[in-house]
């Protein structure tokens, strides 16, 4: 994770487009943050959570529908021309139509961030308070190494923990508590133990 300090000329989407291959970025309140692209375990967890929530709440398979669930959406908000959660959701009553090729300009109703070694500080110190500032009602933080999901609800201007989850196979987590979710199914396989060189 690196940070480009604010300058008299605020960073723009053109600065993001100019980043070298393998580097992605976000511009949050006038500051450009760059990082390497997430690795496979991070991306697989993002995909599994997106599908686990998206099937019942976006597609309506075994659930009520009524949401748009999107992995790594490009969101443009005031003073923040590009922020991209790992997974985010919008109630269709607030965003009836899915934007085409334009950025999403409505704050999400739910955000999920995967805390990997390269993104943990950024997610906790920059994005978490920003999501509260713009009024995102629900935030899930997923500690990939600990295999723990912590769900938060916005209470005024502060986050309040409403539950922690790990190996549950049928658990109801706001804002998706209309149907049980299989959190245990979202984790990647444990990495193999390091090889000590013995035969």
C-alpha atoms as a PDB file:
ATOM      1  CA  UNK A   1       0.000   0.000   0.000  1.00  0.00           C
ATOM      2  CA  UNK A   2       1.300   3.431  -0.873  1.00  0.00           C
ATOM      3  CA  UNK A   3      -0.174   6.891  -0.727  1.00  0.00           C
ATOM      4  CA  UNK A   4       0.174   9.881  -2.991  1.00  0.00           C
ATOM      5  CA  UNK A   5      -0.192  13.096  -1.002  1.00  0.00           C
ATOM      6  CA  UNK A   6      -2.816  15.658  -2.048  1.00  0.00           C
ATOM      7  CA  UNK A   7      -1.484  18.240  -4.458  1.00  0.00           C
ATOM      8  CA  UNK A   8      -2.799  21.569  -5.793  1.00  0.00           C
ATOM      9  CA  UNK A   9      -4.139  19.492  -8.696  1.00  0.00           C
ATOM     10  CA  UNK A  10      -6.332  16.802  -7.231  1.00  0.00           C
ATOM     11  CA  UNK A  11      -5.824  13.299  -8.663  1.00  0.00           C
ATOM     12  CA  UNK A  12      -8.353  12.224 -11.273  1.00  0.00           C
ATOM     13  CA  UNK A  13      -9.478   9.095 -13.058  1.00  0.00           C
ATOM     14  CA  UNK A  14      -6.712   9.780 -15.591  1.00  0.00           C
ATOM     15  CA  UNK A  15      -4.172   9.191 -12.800  1.00  0.00           C
ATOM     16  CA  UNK A  16      -5.769   5.817 -12.125  1.00  0.00           C
ATOM     17  CA  UNK A  17      -5.672   4.912 -15.819  1.00  0.00           C
ATOM     18  CA  UNK A  18      -1.954   5.774 -15.901  1.00  0.00           C
ATOM     19  CA  UNK A  19      -1.006   3.320 -13.132  1.00  0.00           C
ATOM     20  CA  UNK A  20       1.402   0.573 -14.240  1.00  0.00           C
ATOM     21  CA  UNK A  21       0.191  -2.997 -14.863  1.00  0.00           C
ATOM     22  CA  UNK A  22      -0.520  -4.937 -11.687  1.00  0.00           C
ATOM     23  CA  UNK A  23      -1.237  -1.779  -9.658  1.00  0.00           C
ATOM     24  CA  UNK A  24      -4.738  -0.626  -8.785  1.00  0.00           C
ATOM     25  CA  UNK A  25      -5.818   2.538  -7.053  1.00  0.00           C
ATOM     26  CA  UNK A  26      -8.546   4.486  -5.326  1.00  0.00           C
ATOM     27  CA  UNK A  27      -8.979   8.225  -4.850  1.00  0.00           C
ATOM     28  CA  UNK A  28     -10.559   8.923  -1.468  1.00  0.00           C
ATOM     29  CA  UNK A  29     -11.148  12.539  -0.477  1.00  0.00           C
ATOM     30  CA  UNK A  30      -8.446  13.888  -2.740  1.00  0.00           C
ATOM     31  CA  UNK A  31      -5.757  11.303  -1.975  1.00  0.00           C
ATOM     32  CA  UNK A  32      -4.608   8.633  -4.431  1.00  0.00           C
ATOM     33  CA  UNK A  33      -3.949   5.261  -2.788  1.00  0.00           C
ATOM     34  CA  UNK A  34      -2.269   2.509  -4.782  1.00  0.00           C
ATOM     35  CA  UNK A  35      -1.774  -1.198  -4.113  1.00  0.00           C
ATOM     36  CA  UNK A  36      -0.952  -4.406  -5.897  1.00  0.00           C
ATOM     37  CA  UNK A  37      -3.854  -6.448  -7.209  1.00  0.00           C
ATOM     38  CA  UNK A  38      -5.241  -8.938  -4.664  1.00  0.00           C
ATOM     39  CA  UNK A  39      -3.976 -12.517  -4.835  1.00  0.00           C
ATOM     40  CA  UNK A  40      -6.008 -15.648  -5.443  1.00  0.00           C
ATOM     41  CA  UNK A  41      -7.115 -16.394  -1.844  1.00  0.00           C
ATOM     42  CA  UNK A  42      -8.409 -12.832  -1.478  1.00  0.00           C
ATOM     43  CA  UNK A  43     -10.164 -12.906  -4.836  1.00  0.00           C
ATOM     44  CA  UNK A  44     -11.700 -16.329  -4.250  1.00  0.00           C
ATOM     45  CA  UNK A  45     -13.142 -15.196  -0.920  1.00  0.00           C
ATOM     46  CA  UNK A  46     -14.571 -12.115  -2.637  1.00  0.00           C
ATOM     47  CA  UNK A  47     -16.183 -14.345  -5.251  1.00  0.00           C
ATOM     48  CA  UNK A  48     -17.603 -16.773  -2.683  1.00  0.00           C
ATOM     49  CA  UNK A  49     -19.130 -14.029  -0.533  1.00  0.00           C
ATOM     50  CA  UNK A  50     -20.524 -12.283  -3.603  1.00  0.00           C
ATOM     51  CA  UNK A  51     -22.162 -15.513  -4.748  1.00  0.00           C
ATOM     52  CA  UNK A  52     -23.310 -16.497  -1.248  1.00  0.00           C
ATOM     53  CA  UNK A  53     -25.140 -13.208  -0.820  1.00  0.00           C
ATOM     54  CA  UNK A  54     -25.909 -12.593  -4.484  1.00  0.00           C
ATOM     55  CA  UNK A  55     -27.785 -15.815  -5.231  1.00  0.00           C
ATOM     56  CA  UNK A  56     -30.618 -15.174  -2.727  1.00  0.00           C
ATOM     57  CA  UNK A  57     -30.582 -11.379  -2.653  1.00  0.00           C
ATOM     58  CA  UNK A  58     -29.597 -10.339  -6.195  1.00  0.00           C
ATOM     59  CA  UNK A  59     -30.743 -13.287  -8.300  1.00  0.00           C
ATOM     60  CA  UNK A  60     -33.616 -14.256  -6.009  1.00  0.00           C
ATOM     61  CA  UNK A  61     -32.536 -17.914  -5.855  1.00  0.00           C
ATOM     62  CA  UNK A  62     -33.844 -19.199  -2.528  1.00  0.00           C
ATOM     63  CA  UNK A  63     -34.211 -15.666  -1.224  1.00  0.00           C
ATOM     64  CA  UNK A  64     -36.200 -12.463  -1.570  1.00  0.00           C
ATOM     65  CA  UNK A  65     -34.086 -10.661  -4.190  1.00  0.00           C
ATOM     66  CA  UNK A  66     -34.349  -6.885  -4.125  1.00  0.00           C
ATOM     67  CA  UNK A  67     -30.629  -6.073  -4.229  1.00  0.00           C
ATOM     68  CA  UNK A  68     -27.836  -5.403  -6.691  1.00  0.00           C
ATOM     69  CA  UNK A  69     -24.709  -7.258  -5.463  1.00  0.00           C
ATOM     70  CA  UNK A  70     -21.488  -6.304  -7.259  1.00  0.00           C
ATOM     71  CA  UNK A  71     -17.851  -7.317  -6.811  1.00  0.00           C
ATOM     72  CA  UNK A  72     -15.325  -4.471  -7.040  1.00  0.00           C
ATOM     73  CA  UNK A  73     -17.721  -1.807  -8.323  1.00  0.00           C
ATOM     74  CA  UNK A  74     -16.428   1.587  -9.343  1.00  0.00           C
ATOM     75  CA  UNK A  75     -18.172   4.140  -7.107  1.00  0.00           C
ATOM     76  CA  UNK A  76     -17.914   7.910  -7.563  1.00  0.00           C
ATOM     77  CA  UNK A  77     -18.954  10.083  -4.637  1.00  0.00           C
ATOM     78  CA  UNK A  78     -18.316  13.753  -3.749  1.00  0.00           C
ATOM     79  CA  UNK A  79     -14.556  14.374  -3.322  1.00  0.00           C
ATOM     80  CA  UNK A  80     -13.994  10.674  -4.055  1.00  0.00           C
ATOM     81  CA  UNK A  81     -13.913   9.958  -7.786  1.00  0.00           C
ATOM     82  CA  UNK A  82     -13.044   6.275  -7.348  1.00  0.00           C
ATOM     83  CA  UNK A  83     -13.577   3.898  -4.467  1.00  0.00           C
ATOM     84  CA  UNK A  84     -14.011   0.175  -5.021  1.00  0.00           C
ATOM     85  CA  UNK A  85     -15.114  -2.140  -2.199  1.00  0.00           C
ATOM     86  CA  UNK A  86     -14.402  -5.844  -2.545  1.00  0.00           C
ATOM     87  CA  UNK A  87     -18.164  -6.458  -2.628  1.00  0.00           C
ATOM     88  CA  UNK A  88     -21.028  -3.994  -2.290  1.00  0.00           C
ATOM     89  CA  UNK A  89     -24.799  -4.034  -2.441  1.00  0.00           C
ATOM     90  CA  UNK A  90     -27.598  -1.582  -3.187  1.00  0.00           C
ATOM     91  CA  UNK A  91     -31.263  -2.037  -2.395  1.00  0.00           C
ATOM     92  CA  UNK A  92     -33.177  -1.744  -5.657  1.00  0.00           C
ATOM     93  CA  UNK A  93     -35.688   0.581  -4.012  1.00  0.00           C
ATOM     94  CA  UNK A  94     -32.805   3.101  -3.755  1.00  0.00           C
ATOM     95  CA  UNK A  95     -31.195   2.262  -7.113  1.00  0.00           C
ATOM     96  CA  UNK A  96     -33.944   0.872  -9.350  1.00  0.00           C
ATOM     97  CA  UNK A  97     -31.776   0.669 -12.473  1.00  0.00           C
ATOM     98  CA  UNK A  98     -28.235  -0.653 -12.771  1.00  0.00           C
ATOM     99  CA  UNK A  99     -25.941   2.031 -14.237  1.00  0.00           C
ATOM    100  CA  UNK A 100     -24.486   1.270 -17.648  1.00  0.00           C
ATOM    101  CA  UNK A 101     -20.889   2.242 -18.322  1.00  0.00           C
ATOM    102  CA  UNK A 102     -20.982   5.166 -15.894  1.00  0.00           C
ATOM    103  CA  UNK A 103     -19.699   5.017 -12.306  1.00  0.00           C
ATOM    104  CA  UNK A 104     -22.195   4.317  -9.549  1.00  0.00           C
ATOM    105  CA  UNK A 105     -22.942   7.628  -7.808  1.00  0.00           C
ATOM    106  CA  UNK A 106     -25.044   6.313  -4.915  1.00  0.00           C
ATOM    107  CA  UNK A 107     -23.426   5.173  -1.661  1.00  0.00           C
ATOM    108  CA  UNK A 108     -23.956   1.430  -1.071  1.00  0.00           C
ATOM    109  CA  UNK A 109     -26.377  -0.012   1.465  1.00  0.00           C
ATOM    110  CA  UNK A 110     -23.804  -2.680   2.354  1.00  0.00           C
ATOM    111  CA  UNK A 111     -20.060  -3.039   1.889  1.00  0.00           C
ATOM    112  CA  UNK A 112     -17.739  -5.999   2.453  1.00  0.00           C
ATOM    113  CA  UNK A 113     -13.962  -5.626   2.619  1.00  0.00           C
ATOM    114  CA  UNK A 114     -11.504  -8.536   2.736  1.00  0.00           C
ATOM    115  CA  UNK A 115      -8.614  -7.697   5.084  1.00  0.00           C
ATOM    116  CA  UNK A 116      -5.548  -9.141   3.402  1.00  0.00           C
ATOM    117  CA  UNK A 117      -1.993  -8.295   4.504  1.00  0.00           C
ATOM    118  CA  UNK A 118      -1.597  -5.666   1.778  1.00  0.00           C
ATOM    119  CA  UNK A 119      -4.986  -3.968   2.271  1.00  0.00           C
ATOM    120  CA  UNK A 120      -5.692  -4.258   6.022  1.00  0.00           C
ATOM    121  CA  UNK A 121      -4.390  -0.827   7.077  1.00  0.00           C
ATOM    122  CA  UNK A 122      -6.026   0.901   4.113  1.00  0.00           C
ATOM    123  CA  UNK A 123      -9.375  -0.792   4.738  1.00  0.00           C
ATOM    124  CA  UNK A 124      -9.336  -0.083   8.466  1.00  0.00           C
ATOM    125  CA  UNK A 125      -7.804   3.409   8.559  1.00  0.00           C
ATOM    126  CA  UNK A 126      -9.125   4.959   5.334  1.00  0.00           C
ATOM    127  CA  UNK A 127     -12.134   3.107   3.985  1.00  0.00           C
ATOM    128  CA  UNK A 128     -13.892   2.129   7.226  1.00  0.00           C
ATOM    129  CA  UNK A 129     -14.266   5.752   8.469  1.00  0.00           C
ATOM    130  CA  UNK A 130     -15.101   6.939   4.962  1.00  0.00           C
ATOM    131  CA  UNK A 131     -17.967   4.466   4.666  1.00  0.00           C
ATOM    132  CA  UNK A 132     -19.339   5.792   7.965  1.00  0.00           C
ATOM    133  CA  UNK A 133     -18.956   9.382   6.759  1.00  0.00           C
ATOM    134  CA  UNK A 134     -21.015   8.760   3.610  1.00  0.00           C
ATOM    135  CA  UNK A 135     -23.667   6.818   5.531  1.00  0.00           C
ATOM    136  CA  UNK A 136     -23.220   3.208   4.432  1.00  0.00           C
ATOM    137  CA  UNK A 137     -25.595   1.379   6.843  1.00  0.00           C
ATOM    138  CA  UNK A 138     -23.804  -1.994   6.998  1.00  0.00           C
ATOM    139  CA  UNK A 139     -20.126  -2.977   6.803  1.00  0.00           C
ATOM    140  CA  UNK A 140     -18.647  -6.478   6.880  1.00  0.00           C
ATOM    141  CA  UNK A 141     -14.924  -6.836   7.550  1.00  0.00           C
ATOM    142  CA  UNK A 142     -13.515 -10.233   6.692  1.00  0.00           C
ATOM    143  CA  UNK A 143     -10.216 -11.241   8.326  1.00  0.00           C
ATOM    144  CA  UNK A 144      -8.940 -13.789   5.859  1.00  0.00           C
ATOM    145  CA  UNK A 145      -6.099 -15.081   8.025  1.00  0.00           C
ATOM    146  CA  UNK A 146      -8.258 -15.511  11.135  1.00  0.00           C
ATOM    147  CA  UNK A 147     -11.257 -16.756   9.104  1.00  0.00           C
ATOM    148  CA  UNK A 148     -13.552 -14.331  10.928  1.00  0.00           C
ATOM    149  CA  UNK A 149     -16.302 -12.090   9.562  1.00  0.00           C
ATOM    150  CA  UNK A 150     -17.243  -9.110  11.728  1.00  0.00           C
ATOM    151  CA  UNK A 151     -20.536  -7.426  10.835  1.00  0.00           C
ATOM    152  CA  UNK A 152     -21.107  -3.768  11.715  1.00  0.00           C
ATOM    153  CA  UNK A 153     -24.142  -1.514  11.658  1.00  0.00           C
ATOM    154  CA  UNK A 154     -23.799   2.265  11.465  1.00  0.00           C
ATOM    155  CA  UNK A 155     -25.081   3.859  14.659  1.00  0.00           C
ATOM    156  CA  UNK A 156     -25.047   7.618  14.183  1.00  0.00           C
ATOM    157  CA  UNK A 157     -21.505   8.287  13.006  1.00  0.00           C
ATOM    158  CA  UNK A 158     -19.948   5.202  14.629  1.00  0.00           C
ATOM    159  CA  UNK A 159     -19.755   1.533  13.724  1.00  0.00           C
ATOM    160  CA  UNK A 160     -21.354  -0.898  16.149  1.00  0.00           C
ATOM    161  CA  UNK A 161     -20.433  -4.601  15.968  1.00  0.00           C
ATOM    162  CA  UNK A 162     -23.571  -6.705  15.562  1.00  0.00           C
ATOM    163  CA  UNK A 163     -21.906 -10.113  15.283  1.00  0.00           C
ATOM    164  CA  UNK A 164     -18.807 -12.163  14.534  1.00  0.00           C
ATOM    165  CA  UNK A 165     -18.908 -15.357  12.503  1.00  0.00           C
ATOM    166  CA  UNK A 166     -16.534 -18.053  11.295  1.00  0.00           C
ATOM    167  CA  UNK A 167     -17.639 -21.657  10.842  1.00  0.00           C
ATOM    168  CA  UNK A 168     -21.426 -21.260  10.925  1.00  0.00           C
ATOM    169  CA  UNK A 169     -23.270 -23.078   8.152  1.00  0.00           C
ATOM    170  CA  UNK A 170     -26.672 -21.478   8.788  1.00  0.00           C
ATOM    171  CA  UNK A 171     -26.570 -17.997  10.254  1.00  0.00           C
ATOM    172  CA  UNK A 172     -28.580 -14.844   9.651  1.00  0.00           C
ATOM    173  CA  UNK A 173     -26.475 -11.690   9.290  1.00  0.00           C
ATOM    174  CA  UNK A 174     -27.918  -8.219   8.752  1.00  0.00           C
ATOM    175  CA  UNK A 175     -28.735  -6.837   6.289  1.00  0.00           C
ATOM    176  CA  UNK A 176     -29.170 -10.284   4.722  1.00  0.00           C
ATOM    177  CA  UNK A 177     -30.939 -11.927   7.633  1.00  0.00           C
ATOM    178  CA  UNK A 178     -34.003 -12.931   5.621  1.00  0.00           C
ATOM    179  CA  UNK A 179     -32.318 -16.269   4.822  1.00  0.00           C
ATOM    180  CA  UNK A 180     -29.548 -18.282   6.530  1.00  0.00           C
ATOM    181  CA  UNK A 181     -26.054 -17.982   5.054  1.00  0.00           C
ATOM    182  CA  UNK A 182     -23.239 -20.525   5.003  1.00  0.00           C
ATOM    183  CA  UNK A 183     -20.230 -18.567   6.236  1.00  0.00           C
ATOM    184  CA  UNK A 184     -18.081 -21.701   6.575  1.00  0.00           C
ATOM    185  CA  UNK A 185     -18.331 -22.179   2.809  1.00  0.00           C
ATOM    186  CA  UNK A 186     -16.711 -18.830   2.051  1.00  0.00           C
ATOM    187  CA  UNK A 187     -13.185 -19.516   3.320  1.00  0.00           C
ATOM    188  CA  UNK A 188     -10.365 -20.665   1.032  1.00  0.00           C
ATOM    189  CA  UNK A 189      -8.622 -23.947   1.801  1.00  0.00           C
ATOM    190  CA  UNK A 190      -5.963 -23.637   4.477  1.00  0.00           C
ATOM    191  CA  UNK A 191      -2.501 -23.180   2.945  1.00  0.00           C
ATOM    192  CA  UNK A 192      -0.216 -26.216   3.196  1.00  0.00           C
ATOM    193  CA  UNK A 193       2.326 -26.194   6.037  1.00  0.00           C
ATOM    194  CA  UNK A 194       5.792 -24.905   5.084  1.00  0.00           C
ATOM    195  CA  UNK A 195       8.150 -27.583   3.866  1.00  0.00           C
ATOM    196  CA  UNK A 196      11.034 -27.999   6.335  1.00  0.00           C
ATOM    197  CA  UNK A 197      13.331 -29.715   3.846  1.00  0.00           C
ATOM    198  CA  UNK A 198      13.305 -33.096   5.587  1.00  0.00           C
ATOM    199  CA  UNK A 199      12.640 -36.251   3.609  1.00  0.00           C
END
